[in-house]
C-alpha atoms as a PDB file:
ATOM      1  CA  MET A   1     -20.150  25.957 -17.272  1.00  0.00           C
ATOM      2  CA  ASN A   2     -19.178  25.588 -13.619  1.00  0.00           C
ATOM      3  CA  ASN A   3     -16.967  22.511 -13.198  1.00  0.00           C
ATOM      4  CA  PHE A   4     -17.102  22.610  -9.396  1.00  0.00           C
ATOM      5  CA  LYS A   5     -19.791  21.768  -6.915  1.00  0.00           C
ATOM      6  CA  VAL A   6     -19.795  23.610  -3.581  1.00  0.00           C
ATOM      7  CA  ILE A   7     -20.876  21.658  -0.487  1.00  0.00           C
ATOM      8  CA  ARG A   8     -21.810  23.674   2.597  1.00  0.00           C
ATOM      9  CA  SER A   9     -23.212  22.890   6.002  1.00  0.00           C
ATOM     10  CA  GLN A  10     -24.229  25.089   8.912  1.00  0.00           C
ATOM     11  CA  LYS A  11     -24.241  22.400  11.628  1.00  0.00           C
ATOM     12  CA  PRO A  12     -21.388  21.540  11.829  1.00  0.00           C
ATOM     13  CA  MET A  13     -20.074  24.504   9.881  1.00  0.00           C
ATOM     14  CA  PHE A  14     -17.879  23.567   6.923  1.00  0.00           C
ATOM     15  CA  SER A  15     -17.560  24.364   3.255  1.00  0.00           C
ATOM     16  CA  PHE A  16     -15.574  22.797   0.423  1.00  0.00           C
ATOM     17  CA  HIS A  17     -15.804  22.320  -3.323  1.00  0.00           C
ATOM     18  CA  VAL A  18     -15.287  19.256  -5.478  1.00  0.00           C
ATOM     19  CA  GLU A  19     -14.515  19.010  -9.171  1.00  0.00           C
ATOM     20  CA  LYS A  20     -17.364  17.250 -10.959  1.00  0.00           C
ATOM     21  CA  ARG A  21     -15.112  15.380 -13.391  1.00  0.00           C
ATOM     22  CA  SER A  22     -12.870  14.092 -10.603  1.00  0.00           C
ATOM     23  CA  MET A  23     -15.858  13.009  -8.534  1.00  0.00           C
ATOM     24  CA  GLY A  24     -17.239  11.134 -11.545  1.00  0.00           C
ATOM     25  CA  ILE A  25     -13.931   9.314 -12.074  1.00  0.00           C
ATOM     26  CA  LEU A  26     -13.725   8.378  -8.377  1.00  0.00           C
ATOM     27  CA  ILE A  27     -17.274   6.985  -8.460  1.00  0.00           C
ATOM     28  CA  LEU A  28     -16.473   4.935 -11.575  1.00  0.00           C
ATOM     29  CA  LEU A  29     -13.282   3.601  -9.980  1.00  0.00           C
ATOM     30  CA  ALA A  30     -15.189   2.645  -6.838  1.00  0.00           C
ATOM     31  CA  ILE A  31     -17.834   0.826  -8.903  1.00  0.00           C
ATOM     32  CA  LEU A  32     -15.063  -0.986 -10.804  1.00  0.00           C
ATOM     33  CA  LEU A  33     -13.452  -2.063  -7.530  1.00  0.00           C
ATOM     34  CA  VAL A  34     -16.720  -3.383  -6.043  1.00  0.00           C
ATOM     35  CA  THR A  35     -17.532  -5.211  -9.276  1.00  0.00           C
ATOM     36  CA  SER A  36     -14.062  -6.770  -9.323  1.00  0.00           C
ATOM     37  CA  VAL A  37     -14.464  -7.922  -5.726  1.00  0.00           C
ATOM     38  CA  ILE A  38     -17.771  -9.657  -6.494  1.00  0.00           C
ATOM     39  CA  ILE A  39     -16.430 -11.316  -9.647  1.00  0.00           C
ATOM     40  CA  SER A  40     -13.230 -12.369  -7.878  1.00  0.00           C
ATOM     41  CA  ILE A  41     -15.209 -14.060  -5.107  1.00  0.00           C
ATOM     42  CA  GLY A  42     -16.819 -16.371  -7.649  1.00  0.00           C
ATOM     43  CA  LEU A  43     -13.572 -17.387  -9.373  1.00  0.00           C
ATOM     44  CA  GLY A  44     -11.305 -20.163  -8.168  1.00  0.00           C
ATOM     45  CA  SER A  45     -10.966 -23.928  -8.157  1.00  0.00           C
ATOM     46  CA  THR A  46     -14.710 -23.986  -7.400  1.00  0.00           C
ATOM     47  CA  ARG A  47     -16.622 -21.574  -9.653  1.00  0.00           C
ATOM     48  CA  ILE A  48     -19.612 -19.796  -8.113  1.00  0.00           C
ATOM     49  CA  PRO A  49     -21.976 -17.730 -10.318  1.00  0.00           C
ATOM     50  CA  VAL A  50     -22.265 -14.019  -9.505  1.00  0.00           C
ATOM     51  CA  SER A  51     -25.945 -14.438  -8.612  1.00  0.00           C
ATOM     52  CA  GLU A  52     -25.030 -17.081  -6.013  1.00  0.00           C
ATOM     53  CA  VAL A  53     -22.231 -14.889  -4.679  1.00  0.00           C
ATOM     54  CA  LEU A  54     -24.697 -12.045  -4.106  1.00  0.00           C
ATOM     55  CA  LYS A  55     -27.152 -14.410  -2.410  1.00  0.00           C
ATOM     56  CA  THR A  56     -24.427 -15.723  -0.133  1.00  0.00           C
ATOM     57  CA  LEU A  57     -23.302 -12.217   0.809  1.00  0.00           C
ATOM     58  CA  VAL A  58     -26.827 -11.444   2.069  1.00  0.00           C
ATOM     59  CA  GLY A  59     -27.075 -14.767   3.925  1.00  0.00           C
ATOM     60  CA  LEU A  60     -29.125 -16.819   1.431  1.00  0.00           C
ATOM     61  CA  GLY A  61     -26.416 -19.227   0.208  1.00  0.00           C
ATOM     62  CA  ASN A  62     -26.064 -22.880   1.157  1.00  0.00           C
ATOM     63  CA  GLY A  63     -23.511 -24.159   3.668  1.00  0.00           C
ATOM     64  CA  THR A  64     -20.784 -24.931   1.141  1.00  0.00           C
ATOM     65  CA  GLU A  65     -21.066 -21.569  -0.594  1.00  0.00           C
ATOM     66  CA  GLN A  66     -21.046 -19.726   2.732  1.00  0.00           C
ATOM     67  CA  LEU A  67     -17.849 -21.535   3.719  1.00  0.00           C
ATOM     68  CA  ILE A  68     -16.108 -20.764   0.413  1.00  0.00           C
ATOM     69  CA  VAL A  69     -17.339 -17.174   0.082  1.00  0.00           C
ATOM     70  CA  LEU A  70     -17.419 -15.889   3.651  1.00  0.00           C
ATOM     71  CA  GLU A  71     -14.566 -17.803   5.269  1.00  0.00           C
ATOM     72  CA  LEU A  72     -12.081 -18.589   2.495  1.00  0.00           C
ATOM     73  CA  ARG A  73     -12.294 -16.011  -0.302  1.00  0.00           C
ATOM     74  CA  LEU A  74     -13.847 -12.818   1.062  1.00  0.00           C
ATOM     75  CA  PRO A  75     -11.255 -12.208   3.840  1.00  0.00           C
ATOM     76  CA  ARG A  76      -8.426 -12.777   1.368  1.00  0.00           C
ATOM     77  CA  ILE A  77      -9.960 -10.434  -1.203  1.00  0.00           C
ATOM     78  CA  LEU A  78     -10.691  -7.670   1.303  1.00  0.00           C
ATOM     79  CA  LEU A  79      -7.183  -7.982   2.722  1.00  0.00           C
ATOM     80  CA  SER A  80      -5.755  -7.647  -0.811  1.00  0.00           C
ATOM     81  CA  VAL A  81      -7.711  -4.411  -1.271  1.00  0.00           C
ATOM     82  CA  LEU A  82      -6.581  -3.007   2.093  1.00  0.00           C
ATOM     83  CA  VAL A  83      -2.925  -3.900   1.519  1.00  0.00           C
ATOM     84  CA  GLY A  84      -2.970  -2.380  -1.970  1.00  0.00           C
ATOM     85  CA  ALA A  85      -4.670   0.787  -0.728  1.00  0.00           C
ATOM     86  CA  ALA A  86      -2.191   1.223   2.138  1.00  0.00           C
ATOM     87  CA  LEU A  87       0.855   0.764  -0.109  1.00  0.00           C
ATOM     88  CA  ALA A  88      -0.562   3.071  -2.796  1.00  0.00           C
ATOM     89  CA  VAL A  89      -1.339   5.916  -0.377  1.00  0.00           C
ATOM     90  CA  SER A  90       2.088   5.498   1.225  1.00  0.00           C
ATOM     91  CA  GLY A  91       3.680   5.838  -2.214  1.00  0.00           C
ATOM     92  CA  ALA A  92       1.577   8.897  -3.078  1.00  0.00           C
ATOM     93  CA  ILE A  93       2.766  10.633   0.097  1.00  0.00           C
ATOM     94  CA  LEU A  94       6.423   9.929  -0.668  1.00  0.00           C
ATOM     95  CA  GLN A  95       6.073  11.127  -4.261  1.00  0.00           C
ATOM     96  CA  ALA A  96       4.899  14.487  -2.901  1.00  0.00           C
ATOM     97  CA  LEU A  97       7.673  14.706  -0.294  1.00  0.00           C
ATOM     98  CA  VAL A  98      10.489  13.685  -2.640  1.00  0.00           C
ATOM     99  CA  ARG A  99       8.888  15.448  -5.644  1.00  0.00           C
ATOM    100  CA  ASN A 100       9.683  12.455  -7.824  1.00  0.00           C
ATOM    101  CA  PRO A 101       7.159  10.137  -9.555  1.00  0.00           C
ATOM    102  CA  LEU A 102       9.604   7.237  -9.079  1.00  0.00           C
ATOM    103  CA  ALA A 103       9.317   7.411  -5.281  1.00  0.00           C
ATOM    104  CA  SER A 104       7.753   4.501  -3.391  1.00  0.00           C
ATOM    105  CA  PRO A 105       7.871   2.954   0.121  1.00  0.00           C
ATOM    106  CA  ASP A 106      10.952   1.017  -1.003  1.00  0.00           C
ATOM    107  CA  LEU A 107      12.754   4.313  -1.524  1.00  0.00           C
ATOM    108  CA  ILE A 108      13.292   5.186   2.141  1.00  0.00           C
ATOM    109  CA  GLY A 109      13.781   1.592   3.261  1.00  0.00           C
ATOM    110  CA  THR A 110      10.333   1.170   4.803  1.00  0.00           C
ATOM    111  CA  THR A 111       9.488  -2.036   2.968  1.00  0.00           C
ATOM    112  CA  SER A 112      13.004  -3.467   3.240  1.00  0.00           C
ATOM    113  CA  GLY A 113      13.266  -2.576   6.929  1.00  0.00           C
ATOM    114  CA  ALA A 114       9.912  -4.163   7.709  1.00  0.00           C
ATOM    115  CA  THR A 115      10.893  -7.273   5.742  1.00  0.00           C
ATOM    116  CA  ALA A 116      14.293  -7.550   7.461  1.00  0.00           C
ATOM    117  CA  SER A 117      12.693  -7.249  10.888  1.00  0.00           C
ATOM    118  CA  ALA A 118      10.100  -9.895   9.997  1.00  0.00           C
ATOM    119  CA  MET A 119      12.827 -12.222   8.695  1.00  0.00           C
ATOM    120  CA  ALA A 120      14.731 -11.807  11.942  1.00  0.00           C
ATOM    121  CA  PHE A 121      11.576 -12.658  13.892  1.00  0.00           C
ATOM    122  CA  ILE A 122      10.946 -15.800  11.831  1.00  0.00           C
ATOM    123  CA  ALA A 123      14.570 -16.908  11.955  1.00  0.00           C
ATOM    124  CA  PHE A 124      15.374 -16.360  15.622  1.00  0.00           C
ATOM    125  CA  SER A 125      12.048 -16.808  17.441  1.00  0.00           C
ATOM    126  CA  ASN A 126      12.099 -20.483  16.353  1.00  0.00           C
ATOM    127  CA  GLY A 127       8.385 -20.800  17.089  1.00  0.00           C
ATOM    128  CA  ALA A 128       8.728 -19.542  20.661  1.00  0.00           C
ATOM    129  CA  TYR A 129       6.385 -16.617  19.950  1.00  0.00           C
ATOM    130  CA  SER A 130       3.066 -16.520  18.148  1.00  0.00           C
ATOM    131  CA  ILE A 131       3.164 -15.687  14.434  1.00  0.00           C
ATOM    132  CA  HIS A 132       0.610 -12.971  15.246  1.00  0.00           C
ATOM    133  CA  TRP A 133       3.544 -10.880  16.527  1.00  0.00           C
ATOM    134  CA  LEU A 134       4.999 -10.804  13.002  1.00  0.00           C
ATOM    135  CA  PRO A 135       3.149  -7.591  11.940  1.00  0.00           C
ATOM    136  CA  VAL A 136       4.416  -5.859  15.094  1.00  0.00           C
ATOM    137  CA  ALA A 137       7.980  -6.891  14.284  1.00  0.00           C
ATOM    138  CA  ALA A 138       7.587  -5.632  10.708  1.00  0.00           C
ATOM    139  CA  LEU A 139       6.146  -2.324  11.922  1.00  0.00           C
ATOM    140  CA  VAL A 140       9.089  -1.789  14.260  1.00  0.00           C
ATOM    141  CA  GLY A 141      11.539  -2.568  11.448  1.00  0.00           C
ATOM    142  CA  GLY A 142       9.812  -0.203   9.041  1.00  0.00           C
ATOM    143  CA  PHE A 143       9.906   2.680  11.513  1.00  0.00           C
ATOM    144  CA  PHE A 144      13.531   1.948  12.390  1.00  0.00           C
ATOM    145  CA  ALA A 145      14.613   2.047   8.725  1.00  0.00           C
ATOM    146  CA  ALA A 146      12.714   5.266   8.070  1.00  0.00           C
ATOM    147  CA  PHE A 147      14.114   6.850  11.259  1.00  0.00           C
ATOM    148  CA  LEU A 148      17.634   5.846  10.240  1.00  0.00           C
ATOM    149  CA  THR A 149      17.115   7.360   6.790  1.00  0.00           C
ATOM    150  CA  TYR A 150      15.713  10.601   8.226  1.00  0.00           C
ATOM    151  CA  ILE A 151      18.483  11.049  10.810  1.00  0.00           C
ATOM    152  CA  THR A 152      21.245  10.254   8.332  1.00  0.00           C
ATOM    153  CA  ALA A 153      19.771  12.656   5.762  1.00  0.00           C
ATOM    154  CA  TRP A 154      19.448  15.516   8.264  1.00  0.00           C
ATOM    155  CA  LYS A 155      21.731  18.484   7.632  1.00  0.00           C
ATOM    156  CA  ARG A 156      20.092  21.728   8.730  1.00  0.00           C
ATOM    157  CA  GLY A 157      16.898  20.157   7.413  1.00  0.00           C
ATOM    158  CA  VAL A 158      16.172  17.291   5.048  1.00  0.00           C
ATOM    159  CA  SER A 159      16.396  17.910   1.318  1.00  0.00           C
ATOM    160  CA  PRO A 160      14.296  15.578  -0.861  1.00  0.00           C
ATOM    161  CA  PHE A 161      17.326  14.617  -2.996  1.00  0.00           C
ATOM    162  CA  ARG A 162      19.512  13.654  -0.015  1.00  0.00           C
ATOM    163  CA  PHE A 163      16.588  11.869   1.624  1.00  0.00           C
ATOM    164  CA  ALA A 164      15.981   9.760  -1.505  1.00  0.00           C
ATOM    165  CA  LEU A 165      19.658   8.959  -2.051  1.00  0.00           C
ATOM    166  CA  ILE A 166      20.258   7.795   1.517  1.00  0.00           C
ATOM    167  CA  GLY A 167      16.926   5.937   1.487  1.00  0.00           C
ATOM    168  CA  VAL A 168      18.097   3.805  -1.443  1.00  0.00           C
ATOM    169  CA  SER A 169      21.290   2.959   0.492  1.00  0.00           C
ATOM    170  CA  ILE A 170      19.373   2.007   3.640  1.00  0.00           C
ATOM    171  CA  SER A 171      16.950  -0.072   1.562  1.00  0.00           C
ATOM    172  CA  THR A 172      19.827  -2.001  -0.020  1.00  0.00           C
ATOM    173  CA  ALA A 173      21.405  -2.658   3.385  1.00  0.00           C
ATOM    174  CA  MET A 174      18.100  -3.902   4.803  1.00  0.00           C
ATOM    175  CA  SER A 175      17.614  -6.244   1.847  1.00  0.00           C
ATOM    176  CA  ALA A 176      21.046  -7.732   2.531  1.00  0.00           C
ATOM    177  CA  LEU A 177      20.094  -8.178   6.190  1.00  0.00           C
ATOM    178  CA  SER A 178      16.960 -10.063   5.149  1.00  0.00           C
ATOM    179  CA  ILE A 179      19.044 -12.595   3.224  1.00  0.00           C
ATOM    180  CA  TYR A 180      21.428 -12.918   6.171  1.00  0.00           C
ATOM    181  CA  PHE A 181      18.591 -13.633   8.598  1.00  0.00           C
ATOM    182  CA  ILE A 182      17.138 -16.283   6.286  1.00  0.00           C
ATOM    183  CA  LEU A 183      20.518 -18.035   6.017  1.00  0.00           C
ATOM    184  CA  SER A 184      21.110 -17.779   9.771  1.00  0.00           C
ATOM    185  CA  GLY A 185      17.802 -19.318  10.794  1.00  0.00           C
ATOM    186  CA  PRO A 186      16.716 -22.968  10.816  1.00  0.00           C
ATOM    187  CA  ILE A 187      16.596 -24.483   7.352  1.00  0.00           C
ATOM    188  CA  TYR A 188      12.988 -25.652   7.742  1.00  0.00           C
ATOM    189  CA  LEU A 189      11.857 -22.036   8.160  1.00  0.00           C
ATOM    190  CA  ALA A 190      13.600 -20.846   4.984  1.00  0.00           C
ATOM    191  CA  SER A 191      10.713 -21.726   2.651  1.00  0.00           C
ATOM    192  CA  GLN A 192       8.209 -19.956   4.939  1.00  0.00           C
ATOM    193  CA  ALA A 193      10.431 -16.884   5.107  1.00  0.00           C
ATOM    194  CA  LEU A 194      10.999 -16.762   1.342  1.00  0.00           C
ATOM    195  CA  GLY A 195       7.271 -17.179   0.633  1.00  0.00           C
ATOM    196  CA  TRP A 196       6.408 -14.339   2.995  1.00  0.00           C
ATOM    197  CA  MET A 197       9.236 -12.213   1.611  1.00  0.00           C
ATOM    198  CA  SER A 198       7.764 -12.549  -1.902  1.00  0.00           C
ATOM    199  CA  GLY A 199       4.451 -11.096  -0.692  1.00  0.00           C
ATOM    200  CA  THR A 200       1.361 -13.222  -0.203  1.00  0.00           C
ATOM    201  CA  VAL A 201      -2.160 -13.035   1.207  1.00  0.00           C
ATOM    202  CA  TYR A 202      -2.492 -16.830   1.288  1.00  0.00           C
ATOM    203  CA  GLY A 203      -4.231 -18.093   4.420  1.00  0.00           C
ATOM    204  CA  SER A 204      -5.801 -14.714   5.229  1.00  0.00           C
ATOM    205  CA  SER A 205      -8.554 -14.656   7.833  1.00  0.00           C
ATOM    206  CA  TRP A 206     -10.989 -12.144   9.244  1.00  0.00           C
ATOM    207  CA  ASN A 207      -8.507 -11.498  12.064  1.00  0.00           C
ATOM    208  CA  HIS A 208      -6.036 -10.111   9.515  1.00  0.00           C
ATOM    209  CA  VAL A 209      -8.750  -7.949   7.943  1.00  0.00           C
ATOM    210  CA  PHE A 210      -9.928  -6.537  11.274  1.00  0.00           C
ATOM    211  CA  SER A 211      -6.328  -5.876  12.311  1.00  0.00           C
ATOM    212  CA  LEU A 212      -5.475  -3.861   9.197  1.00  0.00           C
ATOM    213  CA  LEU A 213      -8.841  -2.170   8.555  1.00  0.00           C
ATOM    214  CA  PRO A 214      -8.900   0.388  11.420  1.00  0.00           C
ATOM    215  CA  TRP A 215      -5.193   1.111  10.951  1.00  0.00           C
ATOM    216  CA  THR A 216      -5.561   1.822   7.229  1.00  0.00           C
ATOM    217  CA  VAL A 217      -8.801   3.799   7.553  1.00  0.00           C
ATOM    218  CA  GLY A 218      -7.497   5.830  10.494  1.00  0.00           C
ATOM    219  CA  PHE A 219      -4.277   6.898   8.789  1.00  0.00           C
ATOM    220  CA  PHE A 220      -6.098   7.507   5.511  1.00  0.00           C
ATOM    221  CA  ILE A 221      -8.369  10.000   7.283  1.00  0.00           C
ATOM    222  CA  LEU A 222      -5.306  11.660   8.839  1.00  0.00           C
ATOM    223  CA  ILE A 223      -3.546  12.031   5.496  1.00  0.00           C
ATOM    224  CA  MET A 224      -6.688  13.388   3.815  1.00  0.00           C
ATOM    225  CA  MET A 225      -6.627  16.148   6.417  1.00  0.00           C
ATOM    226  CA  GLN A 226      -3.078  16.955   5.232  1.00  0.00           C
ATOM    227  CA  ALA A 227      -3.922  17.050   1.503  1.00  0.00           C
ATOM    228  CA  ARG A 228      -3.315  20.819   1.231  1.00  0.00           C
ATOM    229  CA  THR A 229       0.055  20.424   2.936  1.00  0.00           C
ATOM    230  CA  LEU A 230       1.045  17.772   0.390  1.00  0.00           C
ATOM    231  CA  ASN A 231       0.032  20.122  -2.433  1.00  0.00           C
ATOM    232  CA  SER A 232       2.239  22.836  -0.943  1.00  0.00           C
ATOM    233  CA  LEU A 233       5.263  20.577  -0.344  1.00  0.00           C
ATOM    234  CA  GLU A 234       5.122  19.279  -3.909  1.00  0.00           C
ATOM    235  CA  LEU A 235       5.758  22.854  -5.085  1.00  0.00           C
ATOM    236  CA  GLY A 236       9.049  22.985  -3.162  1.00  0.00           C
ATOM    237  CA  ASP A 237      10.194  23.869   0.351  1.00  0.00           C
ATOM    238  CA  GLU A 238      10.543  27.587  -0.306  1.00  0.00           C
ATOM    239  CA  VAL A 239       7.053  27.908  -1.750  1.00  0.00           C
ATOM    240  CA  ALA A 240       5.618  25.838   1.113  1.00  0.00           C
ATOM    241  CA  LYS A 241       7.327  28.067   3.678  1.00  0.00           C
ATOM    242  CA  GLY A 242       5.919  31.099   1.884  1.00  0.00           C
ATOM    243  CA  LEU A 243       2.442  29.601   2.256  1.00  0.00           C
ATOM    244  CA  GLY A 244       2.955  29.264   6.003  1.00  0.00           C
ATOM    245  CA  VAL A 245       3.751  25.538   6.151  1.00  0.00           C
ATOM    246  CA  SER A 246       6.099  24.350   8.901  1.00  0.00           C
ATOM    247  CA  VAL A 247       8.076  22.266   6.425  1.00  0.00           C
ATOM    248  CA  GLU A 248      10.273  20.054   8.629  1.00  0.00           C
ATOM    249  CA  ARG A 249       7.551  19.331  11.190  1.00  0.00           C
ATOM    250  CA  LYS A 250       4.976  18.517   8.521  1.00  0.00           C
ATOM    251  CA  ARG A 251       7.467  16.422   6.560  1.00  0.00           C
ATOM    252  CA  LEU A 252       8.222  14.348   9.663  1.00  0.00           C
ATOM    253  CA  ILE A 253       4.501  13.789  10.330  1.00  0.00           C
ATOM    254  CA  LEU A 254       3.842  12.809   6.711  1.00  0.00           C
ATOM    255  CA  ILE A 255       6.797  10.409   6.652  1.00  0.00           C
ATOM    256  CA  ALA A 256       5.473   8.796   9.843  1.00  0.00           C
ATOM    257  CA  ILE A 257       2.029   8.295   8.254  1.00  0.00           C
ATOM    258  CA  SER A 258       3.597   6.873   5.100  1.00  0.00           C
ATOM    259  CA  VAL A 259       5.753   4.461   7.091  1.00  0.00           C
ATOM    260  CA  ALA A 260       2.824   3.392   9.275  1.00  0.00           C
ATOM    261  CA  LEU A 261       0.715   2.497   6.236  1.00  0.00           C
ATOM    262  CA  ALA A 262       3.471   0.690   4.327  1.00  0.00           C
ATOM    263  CA  ALA A 263       4.915  -1.193   7.308  1.00  0.00           C
ATOM    264  CA  ALA A 264       1.482  -2.389   8.435  1.00  0.00           C
ATOM    265  CA  ALA A 265       0.742  -3.698   4.935  1.00  0.00           C
ATOM    266  CA  VAL A 266       4.114  -5.449   4.751  1.00  0.00           C
ATOM    267  CA  GLY A 267       3.611  -6.873   8.233  1.00  0.00           C
ATOM    268  CA  ILE A 268       0.364  -8.532   7.156  1.00  0.00           C
ATOM    269  CA  ALA A 269       1.118  -9.529   3.545  1.00  0.00           C
ATOM    270  CA  GLY A 270       4.899  -9.479   3.151  1.00  0.00           C
ATOM    271  CA  GLY A 271       7.002  -7.683   0.579  1.00  0.00           C
ATOM    272  CA  ILE A 272       4.532  -6.836  -2.193  1.00  0.00           C
ATOM    273  CA  GLY A 273       6.478  -4.466  -4.411  1.00  0.00           C
ATOM    274  CA  PHE A 274       5.765  -1.723  -6.963  1.00  0.00           C
ATOM    275  CA  VAL A 275       2.187  -0.979  -5.822  1.00  0.00           C
ATOM    276  CA  GLY A 276       3.266   2.273  -4.174  1.00  0.00           C
ATOM    277  CA  LEU A 277       5.002   3.275  -7.404  1.00  0.00           C
ATOM    278  CA  MET A 278       2.375   2.396 -10.013  1.00  0.00           C
ATOM    279  CA  ALA A 279      -0.973   3.223  -8.385  1.00  0.00           C
ATOM    280  CA  PRO A 280      -0.249   6.932  -7.624  1.00  0.00           C
ATOM    281  CA  HIS A 281       1.248   7.406 -11.088  1.00  0.00           C
ATOM    282  CA  MET A 282      -1.834   5.944 -12.788  1.00  0.00           C
ATOM    283  CA  ALA A 283      -4.112   7.975 -10.519  1.00  0.00           C
ATOM    284  CA  ARG A 284      -2.246  11.153 -11.434  1.00  0.00           C
ATOM    285  CA  LYS A 285      -2.789  10.424 -15.142  1.00  0.00           C
ATOM    286  CA  LEU A 286      -6.510   9.854 -14.565  1.00  0.00           C
ATOM    287  CA  ILE A 287      -7.447  12.517 -12.079  1.00  0.00           C
ATOM    288  CA  GLY A 288      -4.691  15.141 -11.815  1.00  0.00           C
ATOM    289  CA  SER A 289      -2.230  16.055  -9.101  1.00  0.00           C
ATOM    290  CA  GLY A 290      -4.478  17.601  -6.435  1.00  0.00           C
ATOM    291  CA  TYR A 291      -4.012  15.378  -3.388  1.00  0.00           C
ATOM    292  CA  SER A 292      -7.576  15.691  -2.131  1.00  0.00           C
ATOM    293  CA  ARG A 293      -8.588  13.581  -5.137  1.00  0.00           C
ATOM    294  CA  LEU A 294      -5.267  11.842  -5.881  1.00  0.00           C
ATOM    295  CA  LEU A 295      -5.140  10.046  -2.517  1.00  0.00           C
ATOM    296  CA  PRO A 296      -8.542   8.283  -2.783  1.00  0.00           C
ATOM    297  CA  ALA A 297      -7.893   7.463  -6.448  1.00  0.00           C
ATOM    298  CA  SER A 298      -4.518   5.958  -5.529  1.00  0.00           C
ATOM    299  CA  ALA A 299      -6.110   3.908  -2.753  1.00  0.00           C
ATOM    300  CA  ILE A 300      -8.760   2.474  -5.094  1.00  0.00           C
ATOM    301  CA  LEU A 301      -6.269   1.713  -7.880  1.00  0.00           C
ATOM    302  CA  GLY A 302      -3.808   0.156  -5.434  1.00  0.00           C
ATOM    303  CA  GLY A 303      -6.511  -2.083  -3.996  1.00  0.00           C
ATOM    304  CA  LEU A 304      -7.658  -3.031  -7.489  1.00  0.00           C
ATOM    305  CA  PHE A 305      -4.105  -3.805  -8.621  1.00  0.00           C
ATOM    306  CA  VAL A 306      -3.357  -6.182  -5.730  1.00  0.00           C
ATOM    307  CA  LEU A 307      -6.818  -7.745  -6.022  1.00  0.00           C
ATOM    308  CA  VAL A 308      -6.324  -8.573  -9.718  1.00  0.00           C
ATOM    309  CA  ALA A 309      -2.758  -9.784  -9.110  1.00  0.00           C
ATOM    310  CA  ASP A 310      -3.950 -12.114  -6.353  1.00  0.00           C
ATOM    311  CA  LEU A 311      -6.803 -13.370  -8.541  1.00  0.00           C
ATOM    312  CA  VAL A 312      -4.289 -14.322 -11.236  1.00  0.00           C
ATOM    313  CA  ALA A 313      -1.960 -15.837  -8.629  1.00  0.00           C
ATOM    314  CA  ARG A 314      -4.598 -18.188  -7.187  1.00  0.00           C
ATOM    315  CA  THR A 315      -6.393 -19.177 -10.402  1.00  0.00           C
ATOM    316  CA  LEU A 316      -3.795 -19.311 -13.170  1.00  0.00           C
ATOM    317  CA  PHE A 317      -1.673 -22.127 -11.744  1.00  0.00           C
ATOM    318  CA  VAL A 318      -4.199 -24.227  -9.785  1.00  0.00           C
ATOM    319  CA  PRO A 319      -3.521 -26.152  -7.526  1.00  0.00           C
ATOM    320  CA  LEU A 320      -0.432 -23.994  -6.867  1.00  0.00           C
ATOM    321  CA  ASP A 321      -0.954 -20.700  -5.029  1.00  0.00           C
ATOM    322  CA  VAL A 322       1.732 -18.352  -6.332  1.00  0.00           C
ATOM    323  CA  PRO A 323       2.684 -15.369  -4.104  1.00  0.00           C
ATOM    324  CA  VAL A 324       0.944 -12.205  -5.265  1.00  0.00           C
ATOM    325  CA  GLY A 325       4.233 -10.300  -5.096  1.00  0.00           C
ATOM    326  CA  VAL A 326       5.519 -12.304  -8.061  1.00  0.00           C
ATOM    327  CA  PHE A 327       2.818 -10.833 -10.307  1.00  0.00           C
ATOM    328  CA  THR A 328       3.091  -7.262  -8.990  1.00  0.00           C
ATOM    329  CA  ALA A 329       6.839  -7.442  -9.691  1.00  0.00           C
ATOM    330  CA  ALA A 330       6.231  -8.902 -13.155  1.00  0.00           C
ATOM    331  CA  VAL A 331       4.115  -5.855 -14.021  1.00  0.00           C
ATOM    332  CA  GLY A 332       5.947  -3.315 -11.877  1.00  0.00           C
ATOM    333  CA  ALA A 333       9.506  -3.908 -13.098  1.00  0.00           C
ATOM    334  CA  PRO A 334       8.749  -3.084 -16.775  1.00  0.00           C
ATOM    335  CA  PHE A 335       6.607  -0.158 -15.592  1.00  0.00           C
ATOM    336  CA  PHE A 336       9.540   1.196 -13.557  1.00  0.00           C
ATOM    337  CA  ILE A 337      11.930   0.831 -16.522  1.00  0.00           C
ATOM    338  CA  MET A 338       9.467   2.650 -18.778  1.00  0.00           C
ATOM    339  CA  MET A 339       9.126   5.535 -16.311  1.00  0.00           C
ATOM    340  CA  LEU A 340      12.880   5.697 -15.879  1.00  0.00           C
ATOM    341  CA  TYR A 341      13.318   5.891 -19.666  1.00  0.00           C
ATOM    342  CA  ARG A 342      10.696   8.637 -19.946  1.00  0.00           C
ATOM    343  CA  SER A 343      12.280  10.690 -17.171  1.00  0.00           C
ATOM    344  CA  ARG A 344      15.643  10.298 -18.900  1.00  0.00           C
ATOM    345  CA  GLN A 345      14.141  11.484 -22.178  1.00  0.00           C
ATOM    346  CA  GLY A 346      12.595  14.460 -20.387  1.00  0.00           C
END
């Protein structure tokens, strides 16, 4: 039995094949994500039945339901999905480049650099600049940390081992800087900075969604076009060179895409950890290691993970709204220890 389906077109001319099993799993994951979004919209301090949620989404709900669904919950839920997808895809890229399933955006200092830059902005702007500049500050910090890691790791090329080792050092230094900036700033901003540093989508609006949506979708399309390159690089630099891949140039481009996705997510939602580690690993168990299918599976699982974590954060301790990063860390830390133990056993 043929396990692949060939898709061809004459205008425009293209041809590719998809594995039927993988396509089925991706469709099921997408259905699970959409179902979770709809259910999550109805849960909260005010419960709304699924039937009423669906009516409201098509414009048939009453004024109160439209306010709760369309203005309060839906932007927050969609932002959770986008942030999770961006972090998961960023982690999947790094796991291919470093050839290590323990790799994540934290590894090269992207998350820590973005957080440190955001903390500096909060501490020293003292309200002189709009908070809407915070994502820009985080993006600059993320790129700076990644650039510093790349330059420091360069020695007639960048080996994955050296890149990972120096990335951990840069990440630790950036985390220390974040604490320094919090202590140096006004005391009344410390609680805001710590809440953001923990990772939260509280107070999300459609402006946040529309800011992150084109960025995430655009870079996701770019990385899907590089799926074959990721497959080659995961086999090792020598094999990739033998297949005609310009290793250092492609690695630099892929790192830039990974940093752009992770830093943008951190700039909007703060330091939500472990998503870039767990989602690609789970996707690889479900769907295999081919990046043309691993990347979309990672994006869906990452979005689903942050969505569920945020649902627990805003419903379990009502009226408190716990930062979503607390719950991702609560799940991610044991997951990381388990993977570390397994790799040690191997």
